[in-house]
Amino acid sequence: MKSPRTVKQLLKSLQGITIQKFFYRFVGIKYINNLLSCVGSLDGGRYNLKNTFEVLYMAPDPETAIAETIKPHNFKLPPKIIITIDVIFQNILNLEDQYVLEHLGLKTKQLFCSWRIPSDKETYTQTLGRIIHETKIFEGIRYPSVIVKNKYNLGIFPDRLRKGSRIKIYDPQKLVKQIISGKH
């Protein structure tokens, strides 16, 4: 990766992608009252260091959402539920686009590096996530799944959502009314 200052400058010249479709989250039952909560991400995630900023992670299908949240060989799971989310995003940085990677001086294989150890030191992807978040240009990141081959995930910055963008729990019975709407 180029220097953080250079990456910030280069991000200004990139166009993000729009996304309007359904995504999925595999959420711990302890978040039943706020299924769109990002508080779990404050423990650290692929694109955010512990206790820095919130990221709402989601996958394009239920299988990927589940696979991304289960630790290998852990067959004892605390209660979790799968939820469907209806999203509209206007400006997502696509890290699956080879032009974007080359433009920013990123290496695809580095996007697959472990982010869990050590948990107090910023990893490659966490540094990248911080830089992207700090620029306030993009609402989130589309990135390749490390767990499921040929799949991707989204890491959304709720505090960067633009007017007209939204994250809404899909509930045709209208029992759960949870929405995050863009304000900028």
Protein backbone atom coordinates (compact mmCIF):
# COMPACT_ATOMS: atom_id res chain seq x y z
CA MET A 1 0.00 0.00 0.00
CA LYS A 2 1.16 3.49 -0.75
CA SER A 3 1.51 5.96 2.12
CA PRO A 4 -1.75 6.83 3.95
CA ARG A 5 -1.48 10.41 2.72
CA THR A 6 -1.11 9.26 -0.89
CA VAL A 7 -3.97 6.76 -0.58
CA LYS A 8 -6.24 9.52 0.79
CA GLN A 9 -5.41 11.68 -2.23
CA LEU A 10 -5.93 8.81 -4.68
CA LEU A 11 -9.30 7.93 -3.13
CA LYS A 12 -10.59 11.36 -4.19
CA SER A 13 -10.18 10.40 -7.85
CA LEU A 14 -12.11 7.11 -7.61
CA GLN A 15 -15.78 6.50 -8.31
CA GLY A 16 -17.68 4.21 -5.99
CA ILE A 17 -20.41 1.80 -7.01
CA THR A 18 -24.10 1.93 -6.16
CA ILE A 19 -25.78 -1.05 -4.57
CA GLN A 20 -29.49 -1.72 -4.19
CA LYS A 21 -30.33 -5.27 -3.18
CA PHE A 22 -30.76 -7.64 -0.23
CA PHE A 23 -27.92 -8.62 2.09
CA TYR A 24 -27.71 -10.83 5.16
CA ARG A 25 -26.35 -10.76 8.69
CA PHE A 26 -25.90 -13.62 11.17
CA VAL A 27 -26.49 -11.81 14.43
CA GLY A 28 -26.09 -12.82 18.06
CA ILE A 29 -29.38 -13.07 19.90
CA LYS A 30 -28.09 -10.57 22.46
CA TYR A 31 -28.67 -7.91 19.76
CA ILE A 32 -32.31 -8.90 19.22
CA ASN A 33 -33.51 -5.41 20.17
CA ASN A 34 -31.13 -3.75 17.70
CA LEU A 35 -30.33 -6.14 14.86
CA LEU A 36 -28.52 -3.37 12.94
CA SER A 37 -26.23 -2.63 15.87
CA CYS A 38 -22.57 -2.16 15.04
CA VAL A 39 -21.44 -2.37 18.65
CA GLY A 40 -19.93 -5.82 18.06
CA SER A 41 -17.59 -4.29 15.47
CA LEU A 42 -16.03 -2.18 18.23
CA ASP A 43 -14.31 -5.42 19.30
CA GLY A 44 -12.45 -5.08 15.98
CA GLY A 45 -13.12 -6.37 12.51
CA ARG A 46 -11.41 -6.88 9.18
CA TYR A 47 -11.62 -3.15 8.35
CA ASN A 48 -11.66 -1.53 11.80
CA LEU A 49 -9.34 -1.75 14.78
CA LYS A 50 -10.86 -2.34 18.20
CA ASN A 51 -12.53 0.73 19.75
CA THR A 52 -12.08 3.00 16.73
CA PHE A 53 -15.18 3.37 14.53
CA GLU A 54 -18.24 1.26 13.78
CA VAL A 55 -18.62 -0.95 10.73
CA LEU A 56 -21.77 -2.87 9.83
CA TYR A 57 -20.59 -6.10 8.18
CA MET A 58 -22.93 -8.00 5.85
CA ALA A 59 -22.87 -10.66 3.13
CA PRO A 60 -24.74 -11.12 -0.18
CA ASP A 61 -26.24 -14.49 0.81
CA PRO A 62 -27.11 -16.34 4.03
CA GLU A 63 -24.41 -19.00 3.55
CA THR A 64 -21.62 -16.42 3.34
CA ALA A 65 -23.02 -14.48 6.31
CA ILE A 66 -22.96 -17.62 8.44
CA ALA A 67 -19.55 -18.81 7.22
CA GLU A 68 -17.98 -15.40 7.93
CA THR A 69 -19.10 -15.40 11.57
CA ILE A 70 -18.37 -18.97 12.61
CA LYS A 71 -14.87 -19.75 13.77
CA PRO A 72 -13.46 -22.90 12.10
CA HIS A 73 -14.24 -26.12 13.95
CA ASN A 74 -16.54 -24.32 16.41
CA PHE A 75 -19.71 -26.39 16.34
CA LYS A 76 -21.10 -25.05 19.61
CA LEU A 77 -22.75 -21.75 18.77
CA PRO A 78 -24.48 -19.31 21.05
CA PRO A 79 -27.98 -18.42 19.82
CA LYS A 80 -27.92 -16.45 16.56
CA ILE A 81 -30.41 -15.44 13.93
CA ILE A 82 -30.09 -14.70 10.25
CA ILE A 83 -31.67 -11.46 9.05
CA THR A 84 -32.32 -10.08 5.60
CA ILE A 85 -31.49 -6.44 5.00
CA ASP A 86 -32.77 -4.27 2.17
CA VAL A 87 -30.05 -1.74 1.29
CA ILE A 88 -29.52 1.26 -0.92
CA PHE A 89 -25.97 2.64 -1.12
CA GLN A 90 -24.73 5.35 -3.43
CA ASN A 91 -20.96 5.22 -3.05
CA ILE A 92 -19.21 1.99 -2.08
CA LEU A 93 -15.50 1.48 -2.74
CA ASN A 94 -15.14 -1.79 -4.67
CA LEU A 95 -11.97 -3.58 -3.60
CA GLU A 96 -12.78 -6.37 -6.05
CA ASP A 97 -12.11 -4.00 -8.94
CA GLN A 98 -8.56 -4.53 -10.23
CA TYR A 99 -8.31 -0.91 -11.39
CA VAL A 100 -9.11 0.33 -7.86
CA LEU A 101 -6.49 -1.98 -6.35
CA GLU A 102 -3.79 -0.95 -8.81
CA HIS A 103 -4.69 2.74 -8.49
CA LEU A 104 -4.27 2.58 -4.70
CA GLY A 105 -1.19 0.36 -4.84
CA LEU A 106 -2.95 -2.50 -3.06
CA LYS A 107 -2.15 -6.18 -3.36
CA THR A 108 -5.10 -8.59 -3.49
CA LYS A 109 -3.35 -11.19 -1.33
CA GLN A 110 -2.90 -8.62 1.47
CA LEU A 111 -6.69 -8.24 1.67
CA PHE A 112 -6.74 -11.88 2.84
CA CYS A 113 -4.27 -11.47 5.72
CA SER A 114 -5.40 -12.24 9.25
CA TRP A 115 -6.77 -9.31 11.20
CA ARG A 116 -7.35 -11.02 14.55
CA ILE A 117 -3.79 -11.23 15.91
CA PRO A 118 -2.53 -9.09 17.55
CA SER A 119 -5.79 -7.33 18.38
CA ASP A 120 -4.14 -4.12 19.63
CA LYS A 121 -2.05 -3.43 16.52
CA GLU A 122 -3.62 -2.18 13.30
CA THR A 123 -3.43 -4.71 10.46
CA TYR A 124 -3.15 -4.00 6.73
CA THR A 125 -6.90 -4.10 6.12
CA GLN A 126 -7.67 -2.16 9.30
CA THR A 127 -5.27 0.59 8.20
CA LEU A 128 -6.98 0.65 4.82
CA GLY A 129 -10.43 0.77 6.45
CA ARG A 130 -9.36 3.65 8.70
CA ILE A 131 -7.99 5.65 5.77
CA ILE A 132 -11.16 5.10 3.73
CA HIS A 133 -13.35 6.02 6.71
CA GLU A 134 -11.32 9.17 7.47
CA THR A 135 -11.75 10.54 3.94
CA LYS A 136 -15.55 10.65 4.36
CA ILE A 137 -15.88 9.89 0.62
CA PHE A 138 -17.27 6.35 0.65
CA GLU A 139 -20.17 4.84 2.58
CA GLY A 140 -18.38 1.54 2.87
CA ILE A 141 -16.24 -1.11 1.24
CA ARG A 142 -17.04 -4.11 -0.97
CA TYR A 143 -14.26 -6.65 -0.42
CA PRO A 144 -13.55 -10.29 -1.28
CA SER A 145 -14.56 -12.91 1.25
CA VAL A 146 -11.63 -14.59 2.93
CA ILE A 147 -13.80 -17.55 3.94
CA VAL A 148 -15.99 -18.27 0.89
CA LYS A 149 -14.26 -18.44 -2.48
CA ASN A 150 -15.67 -16.15 -5.19
CA LYS A 151 -17.94 -14.32 -2.74
CA TYR A 152 -17.69 -10.85 -1.26
CA ASN A 153 -18.84 -8.89 1.78
CA LEU A 154 -19.70 -5.31 2.61
CA GLY A 155 -18.29 -3.26 5.44
CA ILE A 156 -20.56 -0.23 5.83
CA PHE A 157 -19.73 2.95 7.76
CA PRO A 158 -23.14 3.99 9.18
CA ASP A 159 -21.82 7.46 10.06
CA ARG A 160 -20.89 8.02 6.39
CA LEU A 161 -24.25 7.17 4.79
CA ARG A 162 -25.47 9.81 2.33
CA LYS A 163 -28.98 11.17 2.05
CA GLY A 164 -31.02 8.63 0.12
CA SER A 165 -28.94 5.68 1.34
CA ARG A 166 -30.47 3.31 3.85
CA ILE A 167 -30.20 -0.01 5.62
CA LYS A 168 -33.56 -1.54 6.50
CA ILE A 169 -34.50 -4.88 7.99
CA TYR A 170 -36.68 -6.77 5.54
CA ASP A 171 -39.86 -7.65 7.42
CA PRO A 172 -43.04 -8.05 5.35
CA GLN A 173 -45.00 -8.66 8.58
CA LYS A 174 -43.89 -5.24 9.88
CA LEU A 175 -42.90 -6.56 13.32
CA VAL A 176 -39.37 -5.15 13.26
CA LYS A 177 -38.91 -1.53 12.23
CA GLN A 178 -35.19 -0.92 12.25
CA ILE A 179 -33.70 1.46 9.70
CA ILE A 180 -30.44 3.38 9.40
CA SER A 181 -30.86 6.32 7.03
CA GLY A 182 -28.17 8.50 5.52
CA LYS A 183 -27.87 12.07 6.73
CA HIS A 184 -24.99 13.59 4.76
